Protein backbone atom coordinates (compact mmCIF):
# COMPACT_ATOMS: atom_id res chain seq x y z
CA GLY A 1 31.77 71.65 -84.22
CA PHE A 2 30.72 72.40 -87.77
CA ILE A 3 27.15 73.03 -86.63
CA ALA A 4 28.29 75.63 -84.10
CA LEU A 5 30.61 77.21 -86.64
CA SER A 6 27.92 77.38 -89.30
CA GLY A 7 25.55 78.90 -86.74
CA VAL A 8 27.98 81.75 -86.09
CA ALA A 9 28.48 82.27 -89.82
CA VAL A 10 24.74 82.37 -90.47
CA LEU A 11 24.20 84.79 -87.60
CA ASN A 12 26.92 87.10 -88.89
CA GLY A 13 25.45 87.01 -92.38
CA LEU A 14 22.00 87.74 -91.00
CA VAL A 15 23.32 90.78 -89.12
CA MET A 16 24.91 92.13 -92.29
CA VAL A 17 21.93 91.49 -94.57
CA SER A 18 19.37 92.92 -92.16
CA PHE A 19 21.41 96.09 -91.68
CA ILE A 20 21.91 96.52 -95.44
CA ARG A 21 18.17 96.05 -95.98
CA ALA A 22 17.46 98.71 -93.34
CA LEU A 23 19.79 101.10 -95.14
CA ARG A 24 18.02 100.36 -98.42
CA HIS A 25 14.68 101.21 -96.79
CA GLN A 26 16.19 104.53 -95.71
CA GLY A 27 16.77 105.34 -99.37
CA LEU A 28 20.41 104.45 -100.01
CA ASP A 29 21.25 102.84 -103.32
CA LEU A 30 22.50 99.25 -103.29
CA ASP A 31 26.24 99.97 -103.61
CA ALA A 32 26.21 102.64 -100.89
CA ALA A 33 24.11 100.44 -98.59
CA ILE A 34 26.50 97.50 -98.99
CA THR A 35 29.57 99.67 -98.40
CA GLN A 36 28.13 101.46 -95.38
CA GLY A 37 26.63 98.26 -93.99
CA ALA A 38 29.91 96.37 -94.27
CA LEU A 39 31.88 99.18 -92.64
CA THR A 40 29.35 99.72 -89.86
CA ARG A 41 28.75 96.06 -88.98
CA LEU A 42 32.34 94.84 -89.37
CA ARG A 43 33.25 95.26 -85.70
CA PRO A 44 30.14 93.47 -84.32
CA VAL A 45 30.60 90.60 -86.77
CA LEU A 46 34.30 90.20 -85.94
CA THR A 47 33.58 90.46 -82.22
CA THR A 48 30.98 87.70 -82.44
CA ALA A 49 33.38 85.41 -84.30
CA LEU A 50 36.24 86.20 -81.91
CA VAL A 51 34.16 85.54 -78.80
CA ALA A 52 32.93 82.25 -80.26
CA SER A 53 36.50 81.19 -81.01
CA LEU A 54 38.00 82.31 -77.71
CA GLY A 55 35.18 80.70 -75.76
CA PHE A 56 36.31 77.31 -77.00
CA VAL A 57 39.99 77.74 -76.04
CA PRO A 58 39.53 76.17 -72.56
CA MET A 59 37.87 73.16 -74.19
CA ALA A 60 40.75 72.84 -76.65
CA LEU A 61 43.35 72.95 -73.88
CA ASN A 62 41.46 70.67 -71.49
CA THR A 63 43.22 67.47 -70.42
CA GLY A 64 40.68 66.16 -67.90
CA ILE A 65 37.87 63.68 -68.14
CA GLY A 66 35.84 64.16 -71.31
CA SER A 67 38.54 66.08 -73.14
CA GLU A 68 38.69 63.45 -75.88
CA VAL A 69 35.15 64.50 -76.84
CA GLN A 70 35.49 68.25 -76.27
CA ARG A 71 38.84 68.85 -77.94
CA PRO A 72 37.76 67.99 -81.53
CA LEU A 73 34.68 70.22 -81.19
CA ALA A 74 36.78 73.13 -79.97
CA THR A 75 39.40 72.59 -82.66
CA VAL A 76 36.82 72.90 -85.42
CA VAL A 77 35.38 76.13 -84.03
CA ILE A 78 38.76 77.73 -83.35
């Protein structure tokens, strides 16, 4: 669970940093690049985190065979 969660966090950070670096290469100063990058990439980052969390809801609510293994994984990610 923690591995999947850290993977999403690293991916979101990578999206932000790469976009801010692209803005810096376009000539924006650091403060402006960080502000514009955070505002522009906020929705994609939140969408990625939300999809990752909502994708594990069926696993968290599962009561069938194997749910004793899946439920803790889903709980950590949600």
